[in-house]
Amino acid sequence: MNLSYWEYKTWLYNVDFTIIGSGIVGLNTALSLSIRFPKAKILVLEKGILPQGASTKNAGFACFGSISEVLSDLRQHSEQEVQQLVQKRYDGIRMLRKNLGDAAIDFQQLGGHELFVEKGQELFEECMESISKMNELLYPVFGVNAFQTNANSFRFKNINEQYITNVLEGQIDTGKMMVSLLRKVQQNNVQLLNGVSVEEIDDNGGSVTVKTDQFEFNSKKILMATNGFAAQLLQEDIQPARAQVILTKPIQNLHIKGTFHLDEGYYYFRNIDNRILFGGGRNLDIENETTYKFGKTDVIQKQLKKLLKEVILPETQFELDRSWSGIMGVGNQKRPIVKQVSNNVYCGVRLGGMGIAIGSSVGNELADLID
């Protein structure tokens, strides 16, 4: 790249901290570092025009976890570990709300409802039998019995006539959230460069050489916050997981309010601006959805449209407006990876589809690794 002296000196010379990724984790990391080290030169690199990955492509769920998701977590983790996971999610949302304010992120605590398809009677019965146990396990986190049953008040079809609701669940506007985060970061003199893809990092011991598709420079410290894309630069237990989403056009007198999960969280939907946002279906084709490529597939798009028509809006005329996909970071464990990788390289990645809930706290933890 044909950089002038002014450009190099202003953006790329004597950089103290370089954060790779301008999503929820990256911006919270930058914000935390700028408060702790007000005189430091902090640079954020983002390969997209907007934040890539999942930060602006998700469904906007507060996302502590539906009851079947928590039960699924208990098959892989101890009760103490699951309690800690949910605590991290709950604390992360409260941190996000405190940092930005409910109005700025359009936070609405409308409850999160888990629906059970008629063929999933066994799962429904297991979850019903576990309500008391889950409330007891998570009472130290929430301070209330968060899970309760509700009747099918939204008139969905082809499901069990009872939901299991987490009364504390909420939804946000992720676009507003990211604008608010960007504004706070820029007010703290953090510099952000978009359209720059990092191709290689080399920790020399004293500093790190960063090679991008645009230029090369040195930084004293590197903090990786690329979540699902982290395995392209790090040797860690992270895999990309694509999630496809569809959105309806505005629906007059839309009666559905809240966030909803279906099929152990593999499907999820909510109301937004008199529309229904519906995503998921990765379980239909795990192999092809384990990808870094954005896009959509016929098998998942057809199933999303089918469920939208037969379950969610069976008596309502609707049209689709747009569709998109995001890339999450998953692994064998639900715990995020927040660690020092080498002398001057650190990472906060693998958010497991819970980026909104834990992104703020992971960003703070990542920044706290710096002495």
Protein backbone atom coordinates (compact mmCIF):
# COMPACT_ATOMS: atom_id res chain seq x y z
CA MET A 1 0.00 0.00 0.00
CA ASN A 2 1.28 3.46 -0.92
CA LEU A 3 1.33 4.97 2.60
CA SER A 4 2.51 8.51 3.14
CA TYR A 5 4.68 9.48 6.09
CA TRP A 6 1.62 11.12 7.70
CA GLU A 7 -0.51 8.02 7.30
CA TYR A 8 2.11 5.69 8.69
CA LYS A 9 3.00 7.98 11.59
CA THR A 10 -0.62 8.63 12.53
CA TRP A 11 -2.01 5.10 12.38
CA LEU A 12 0.79 2.53 12.33
CA TYR A 13 3.82 3.92 14.17
CA ASN A 14 4.54 3.11 17.84
CA VAL A 15 1.33 1.16 18.38
CA ASP A 16 0.91 -0.13 21.93
CA PHE A 17 -2.10 -2.40 21.48
CA THR A 18 -3.57 -3.81 18.28
CA ILE A 19 -6.94 -5.52 18.53
CA ILE A 20 -7.91 -7.78 15.65
CA GLY A 21 -11.68 -7.74 15.21
CA SER A 22 -14.14 -4.90 15.84
CA GLY A 23 -17.05 -6.95 17.11
CA ILE A 24 -18.48 -7.00 20.62
CA VAL A 25 -15.35 -8.49 22.18
CA GLY A 26 -12.89 -6.34 20.24
CA LEU A 27 -14.59 -3.04 21.01
CA ASN A 28 -15.05 -3.90 24.69
CA THR A 29 -11.38 -4.85 24.84
CA ALA A 30 -10.42 -1.52 23.28
CA LEU A 31 -12.70 0.37 25.65
CA SER A 32 -11.28 -1.36 28.71
CA LEU A 33 -7.66 -0.80 27.60
CA SER A 34 -8.30 2.87 26.82
CA ILE A 35 -9.61 3.40 30.36
CA ARG A 36 -6.69 1.57 31.98
CA PHE A 37 -4.01 3.05 29.70
CA PRO A 38 -5.31 6.50 28.64
CA LYS A 39 -1.99 7.48 27.00
CA ALA A 40 -1.62 4.26 25.00
CA LYS A 41 -1.96 4.13 21.23
CA ILE A 42 -4.70 1.59 20.52
CA LEU A 43 -5.54 0.36 17.03
CA VAL A 44 -8.47 -1.87 16.03
CA LEU A 45 -8.27 -3.72 12.70
CA GLU A 46 -11.43 -5.01 11.02
CA LYS A 47 -11.42 -6.93 7.76
CA GLY A 48 -14.99 -5.97 6.87
CA ILE A 49 -16.59 -2.65 6.08
CA LEU A 50 -18.82 -3.47 9.06
CA PRO A 51 -17.90 -5.92 11.83
CA GLN A 52 -17.67 -9.37 10.25
CA GLY A 53 -18.61 -12.62 11.97
CA ALA A 54 -21.66 -12.44 14.18
CA SER A 55 -21.70 -9.15 16.09
CA THR A 56 -24.02 -7.33 13.67
CA LYS A 57 -25.54 -10.45 12.09
CA ASN A 58 -27.08 -12.15 15.13
CA ALA A 59 -30.71 -12.27 16.27
CA GLY A 60 -30.32 -9.85 19.17
CA PHE A 61 -31.12 -12.28 22.00
CA ALA A 62 -29.88 -11.58 25.53
CA CYS A 63 -29.40 -15.35 25.51
CA PHE A 64 -28.81 -16.83 28.95
CA GLY A 65 -29.91 -20.19 27.54
CA SER A 66 -33.24 -21.96 27.20
CA ILE A 67 -33.98 -24.84 29.57
CA SER A 68 -33.13 -27.53 27.01
CA GLU A 69 -29.83 -25.78 26.23
CA VAL A 70 -28.93 -25.75 29.92
CA LEU A 71 -29.82 -29.45 30.16
CA SER A 72 -27.65 -30.12 27.11
CA ASP A 73 -24.79 -28.22 28.75
CA LEU A 74 -25.14 -30.43 31.84
CA ARG A 75 -24.33 -33.47 29.70
CA GLN A 76 -20.90 -32.01 28.94
CA HIS A 77 -20.18 -29.93 32.05
CA SER A 78 -20.55 -30.24 35.81
CA GLU A 79 -23.34 -28.41 37.62
CA GLN A 80 -20.80 -25.93 38.95
CA GLU A 81 -19.45 -25.27 35.45
CA VAL A 82 -22.96 -24.75 34.04
CA GLN A 83 -23.81 -22.39 36.88
CA GLN A 84 -20.62 -20.45 36.11
CA LEU A 85 -21.46 -20.35 32.39
CA VAL A 86 -24.94 -18.94 33.02
CA GLN A 87 -23.51 -16.51 35.59
CA LYS A 88 -21.06 -15.22 32.98
CA ARG A 89 -23.90 -14.72 30.48
CA TYR A 90 -26.14 -12.95 32.98
CA ASP A 91 -23.33 -10.74 34.28
CA GLY A 92 -22.28 -9.94 30.72
CA ILE A 93 -25.74 -8.68 29.78
CA ARG A 94 -25.93 -6.56 32.92
CA MET A 95 -22.50 -5.14 32.11
CA LEU A 96 -23.61 -4.32 28.56
CA ARG A 97 -26.76 -2.62 29.82
CA LYS A 98 -24.80 -0.63 32.41
CA ASN A 99 -22.11 0.46 29.94
CA LEU A 100 -24.46 1.59 27.15
CA GLY A 101 -27.86 2.04 28.77
CA ASP A 102 -31.10 0.22 27.94
CA ALA A 103 -32.36 2.96 25.64
CA ALA A 104 -29.18 2.94 23.53
CA ILE A 105 -29.45 -0.80 22.84
CA ASP A 106 -33.27 -0.94 22.87
CA PHE A 107 -33.27 -3.59 25.60
CA GLN A 108 -36.71 -5.14 26.18
CA GLN A 109 -37.26 -7.79 28.83
CA LEU A 110 -40.14 -9.63 27.18
CA GLY A 111 -39.19 -13.12 28.30
CA GLY A 112 -37.68 -16.03 26.41
CA HIS A 113 -39.96 -18.93 25.51
CA GLU A 114 -38.96 -22.43 24.50
CA LEU A 115 -41.38 -24.21 22.18
CA PHE A 116 -41.56 -27.98 21.73
CA VAL A 117 -42.67 -29.53 18.47
CA GLU A 118 -45.25 -32.30 18.74
CA LYS A 119 -42.73 -34.98 17.82
CA GLY A 120 -40.45 -33.75 20.61
CA GLN A 121 -42.65 -34.99 23.45
CA GLU A 122 -39.77 -36.80 25.13
CA LEU A 123 -37.69 -33.61 25.30
CA PHE A 124 -40.70 -31.66 26.54
CA GLU A 125 -41.30 -34.13 29.36
CA GLU A 126 -37.62 -34.11 30.33
CA CYS A 127 -37.60 -30.30 30.48
CA MET A 128 -40.87 -30.15 32.44
CA GLU A 129 -39.49 -32.59 34.99
CA SER A 130 -36.31 -30.49 35.28
CA ILE A 131 -37.88 -27.06 35.96
CA SER A 132 -37.54 -27.27 39.73
CA LYS A 133 -33.99 -28.60 39.48
CA MET A 134 -32.97 -25.87 37.01
CA ASN A 135 -34.53 -23.14 39.13
CA GLU A 136 -32.70 -24.45 42.18
CA LEU A 137 -29.39 -24.71 40.30
CA LEU A 138 -29.63 -21.20 38.85
CA TYR A 139 -31.31 -19.38 41.75
CA PRO A 140 -27.88 -18.17 43.00
CA VAL A 141 -27.41 -16.56 39.55
CA PHE A 142 -30.83 -15.00 38.98
CA GLY A 143 -32.15 -14.52 42.51
CA VAL A 144 -35.59 -15.72 41.30
CA ASN A 145 -37.07 -18.90 39.89
CA ALA A 146 -36.55 -17.91 36.27
CA PHE A 147 -38.17 -20.90 34.53
CA GLN A 148 -41.95 -21.28 34.48
CA THR A 149 -44.61 -22.71 32.20
CA ASN A 150 -46.92 -20.66 29.99
CA ALA A 151 -49.86 -21.48 27.74
CA ASN A 152 -49.63 -21.11 23.95
CA SER A 153 -50.86 -17.50 24.00
CA PHE A 154 -49.25 -16.61 20.66
CA ARG A 155 -51.28 -19.28 18.84
CA PHE A 156 -48.39 -21.18 17.28
CA LYS A 157 -49.31 -24.41 15.51
CA ASN A 158 -47.91 -27.95 15.58
CA ILE A 159 -46.29 -27.50 18.97
CA ASN A 160 -47.02 -28.57 22.52
CA GLU A 161 -49.59 -26.24 24.06
CA GLN A 162 -47.21 -25.23 26.86
CA TYR A 163 -44.01 -23.21 26.65
CA ILE A 164 -41.22 -23.14 29.21
CA THR A 165 -40.32 -19.50 29.75
CA ASN A 166 -37.26 -17.78 31.20
CA VAL A 167 -38.92 -14.63 32.53
CA LEU A 168 -35.61 -12.70 32.65
CA GLU A 169 -34.73 -13.13 28.97
CA GLY A 170 -34.71 -10.08 26.75
CA GLN A 171 -33.87 -8.75 23.32
CA ILE A 172 -31.77 -5.90 22.00
CA ASP A 173 -31.12 -4.06 18.75
CA THR A 174 -27.60 -5.17 17.85
CA GLY A 175 -27.15 -2.42 15.28
CA LYS A 176 -27.82 0.24 17.91
CA MET A 177 -25.56 -1.62 20.33
CA MET A 178 -22.61 -1.60 17.93
CA VAL A 179 -23.10 2.08 17.05
CA SER A 180 -23.09 2.94 20.76
CA LEU A 181 -19.97 0.87 21.37
CA LEU A 182 -18.18 2.43 18.42
CA ARG A 183 -19.08 5.90 19.64
CA LYS A 184 -17.69 5.22 23.13
CA VAL A 185 -14.49 3.69 21.74
CA GLN A 186 -13.87 6.58 19.36
CA GLN A 187 -14.49 9.10 22.13
CA ASN A 188 -11.61 7.42 23.97
CA ASN A 189 -9.24 8.07 21.03
CA VAL A 190 -9.09 4.48 19.84
CA GLN A 191 -8.27 4.29 16.12
CA LEU A 192 -10.25 1.91 13.93
CA LEU A 193 -9.31 0.77 10.42
CA ASN A 194 -11.84 -1.17 8.35
CA GLY A 195 -11.17 -3.26 5.26
CA VAL A 196 -7.88 -4.60 6.61
CA SER A 197 -7.43 -8.37 6.74
CA VAL A 198 -4.67 -9.70 9.00
CA GLU A 199 -2.85 -12.53 7.25
CA GLU A 200 -0.01 -13.31 9.65
CA ILE A 201 1.28 -12.33 13.09
CA ASP A 202 4.85 -12.97 14.23
CA ASP A 203 5.75 -12.52 17.90
CA ASN A 204 9.40 -11.45 17.94
CA GLY A 205 9.65 -11.40 21.73
CA GLY A 206 9.90 -7.64 22.03
CA SER A 207 6.99 -6.83 19.74
CA VAL A 208 4.72 -8.40 17.13
CA THR A 209 5.00 -7.98 13.37
CA VAL A 210 1.55 -7.78 11.82
CA LYS A 211 1.20 -8.59 8.12
CA THR A 212 -2.06 -7.58 6.47
CA ASP A 213 -3.38 -7.52 2.93
CA GLN A 214 -2.75 -3.76 2.92
CA PHE A 215 0.43 -3.08 4.91
CA GLU A 216 2.87 -4.38 7.53
CA PHE A 217 3.68 -2.82 10.91
CA ASN A 218 4.79 -3.60 14.46
CA SER A 219 2.72 -3.54 17.63
CA LYS A 220 3.82 -4.04 21.23
CA LYS A 221 0.84 -6.28 22.01
CA ILE A 222 -1.78 -8.11 19.92
CA LEU A 223 -5.22 -9.03 21.21
CA MET A 224 -7.20 -11.44 19.02
CA ALA A 225 -10.98 -10.98 19.08
CA THR A 226 -12.06 -12.70 15.86
CA ASN A 227 -14.21 -15.44 17.45
CA GLY A 228 -15.21 -17.92 14.71
CA PHE A 229 -12.36 -16.83 12.43
CA ALA A 230 -9.69 -17.22 15.12
CA ALA A 231 -8.49 -20.63 13.90
CA GLN A 232 -7.16 -18.94 10.77
CA LEU A 233 -4.45 -17.35 12.93
CA LEU A 234 -4.41 -19.46 16.13
CA GLN A 235 -4.02 -23.14 16.94
CA GLU A 236 -6.94 -23.45 19.35
CA ASP A 237 -10.10 -25.56 19.71
CA ILE A 238 -12.32 -23.28 17.61
CA GLN A 239 -14.52 -24.06 14.64
CA PRO A 240 -16.60 -21.67 12.56
CA ALA A 241 -20.35 -22.23 12.71
CA ARG A 242 -22.53 -20.49 10.15
CA ALA A 243 -26.04 -19.42 11.13
CA GLN A 244 -28.62 -18.50 8.48
CA VAL A 245 -31.38 -15.96 9.15
CA ILE A 246 -34.51 -14.81 7.34
CA LEU A 247 -36.63 -11.71 8.00
CA THR A 248 -40.22 -10.96 7.01
CA LYS A 249 -41.56 -7.68 5.75
CA PRO A 250 -43.62 -5.70 8.32
CA ILE A 251 -46.77 -7.54 9.41
CA GLN A 252 -49.78 -5.50 10.42
CA ASN A 253 -50.95 -6.07 14.01
CA LEU A 254 -48.19 -8.58 14.72
CA HIS A 255 -49.12 -10.17 18.06
CA ILE A 256 -45.88 -12.09 18.72
CA LYS A 257 -43.62 -10.44 21.32
CA GLY A 258 -40.48 -11.89 22.88
CA THR A 259 -37.67 -14.27 22.05
CA PHE A 260 -38.31 -17.92 21.22
CA HIS A 261 -36.28 -21.12 20.95
CA LEU A 262 -37.19 -24.34 19.20
CA ASP A 263 -35.45 -27.73 18.98
CA GLU A 264 -32.81 -27.31 21.73
CA GLY A 265 -32.00 -23.81 20.52
CA TYR A 266 -31.12 -24.82 16.96
CA TYR A 267 -33.98 -22.57 15.81
CA TYR A 268 -34.77 -19.15 17.23
CA PHE A 269 -37.07 -16.26 16.39
CA ARG A 270 -38.27 -12.92 17.71
CA ASN A 271 -40.27 -9.83 16.85
CA ILE A 272 -38.47 -6.73 15.55
CA ASP A 273 -40.11 -3.64 14.02
CA ASN A 274 -43.38 -5.54 13.37
CA ARG A 275 -41.45 -8.29 11.62
CA ILE A 276 -40.39 -11.83 12.50
CA LEU A 277 -36.68 -12.60 12.45
CA PHE A 278 -36.12 -16.35 12.24
CA GLY A 279 -32.79 -18.19 12.19
CA GLY A 280 -31.11 -21.52 12.72
CA GLY A 281 -31.25 -24.97 11.16
CA ARG A 282 -27.49 -25.56 11.36
CA ASN A 283 -28.21 -29.04 12.73
CA LEU A 284 -29.64 -30.05 9.34
CA ASP A 285 -26.23 -29.85 7.70
CA ILE A 286 -23.49 -29.48 10.31
CA GLU A 287 -20.67 -30.37 7.89
CA ASN A 288 -21.48 -27.67 5.33
CA GLU A 289 -22.34 -25.11 8.01
CA THR A 290 -18.87 -25.52 9.54
CA THR A 291 -17.48 -22.89 7.21
CA TYR A 292 -15.92 -19.43 7.07
CA LYS A 293 -18.04 -18.54 4.04
CA PHE A 294 -21.11 -16.35 4.36
CA GLY A 295 -24.08 -17.50 2.33
CA LYS A 296 -27.23 -19.61 2.41
CA THR A 297 -28.29 -23.08 1.34
CA ASP A 298 -31.53 -24.45 -0.08
CA VAL A 299 -31.93 -27.15 2.56
CA ILE A 300 -31.88 -24.71 5.48
CA GLN A 301 -33.74 -21.89 3.75
CA LYS A 302 -36.58 -24.25 2.82
CA GLN A 303 -36.87 -25.51 6.38
CA LEU A 304 -36.87 -22.00 7.84
CA LYS A 305 -39.66 -20.96 5.46
CA LYS A 306 -41.60 -24.16 6.21
CA LEU A 307 -41.47 -23.67 9.99
CA LEU A 308 -42.29 -20.00 9.60
CA LYS A 309 -45.46 -20.89 7.66
CA GLU A 310 -46.53 -24.01 9.58
CA VAL A 311 -45.54 -23.15 13.16
CA ILE A 312 -44.90 -19.44 13.73
CA LEU A 313 -47.27 -17.63 11.35
CA PRO A 314 -49.78 -20.33 10.31
CA GLU A 315 -52.75 -17.97 9.99
CA THR A 316 -50.91 -14.85 8.86
CA GLN A 317 -50.02 -13.69 5.37
CA PHE A 318 -46.39 -12.65 5.15
CA GLU A 319 -43.61 -11.93 2.69
CA LEU A 320 -39.87 -12.32 3.16
CA ASP A 321 -37.75 -9.21 3.01
CA ARG A 322 -34.15 -10.37 3.28
CA SER A 323 -31.84 -13.14 4.47
CA TRP A 324 -28.24 -13.26 5.68
CA SER A 325 -25.78 -15.38 7.62
CA GLY A 326 -23.25 -14.91 10.42
CA ILE A 327 -20.24 -16.89 11.57
CA MET A 328 -20.04 -17.98 15.20
CA GLY A 329 -17.13 -19.65 17.01
CA VAL A 330 -17.76 -23.00 18.69
CA GLY A 331 -15.73 -25.87 20.13
CA ASN A 332 -15.86 -28.94 22.33
CA GLN A 333 -16.46 -26.75 25.38
CA LYS A 334 -18.89 -23.88 25.94
CA ARG A 335 -16.34 -21.87 27.91
CA PRO A 336 -14.72 -19.07 25.88
CA ILE A 337 -10.98 -19.14 25.37
CA VAL A 338 -9.38 -16.14 27.09
CA LYS A 339 -5.64 -16.63 27.41
CA GLN A 340 -2.13 -15.48 26.65
CA VAL A 341 -0.95 -17.26 23.50
CA SER A 342 2.68 -16.09 23.43
CA ASN A 343 4.82 -13.32 24.95
CA ASN A 344 2.86 -10.53 23.31
CA VAL A 345 -0.22 -12.20 21.82
CA TYR A 346 -3.52 -12.76 23.64
CA CYS A 347 -6.95 -14.02 22.59
CA GLY A 348 -10.60 -13.84 23.63
CA VAL A 349 -12.48 -16.15 21.28
CA ARG A 350 -14.98 -19.06 20.98
CA LEU A 351 -18.11 -17.40 22.31
CA GLY A 352 -20.33 -20.35 21.42
CA GLY A 353 -23.22 -18.35 20.00
CA MET A 354 -23.52 -16.30 23.21
CA GLY A 355 -21.67 -13.20 22.01
CA ILE A 356 -24.24 -10.64 23.12
CA ALA A 357 -24.44 -12.16 26.58
CA ILE A 358 -20.72 -12.65 27.23
CA GLY A 359 -18.98 -10.35 24.75
CA SER A 360 -18.62 -7.46 27.21
CA SER A 361 -17.17 -9.60 29.99
CA VAL A 362 -14.86 -11.52 27.63
CA GLY A 363 -13.55 -8.20 26.29
CA ASN A 364 -12.82 -7.01 29.83
CA GLU A 365 -11.16 -10.32 30.74
CA LEU A 366 -9.00 -10.13 27.62
CA ALA A 367 -7.89 -6.58 28.46
CA ASP A 368 -7.16 -7.63 32.04
CA LEU A 369 -4.54 -10.11 30.82
CA ILE A 370 -2.32 -7.13 30.03
CA ASP A 371 -0.10 -6.20 32.99
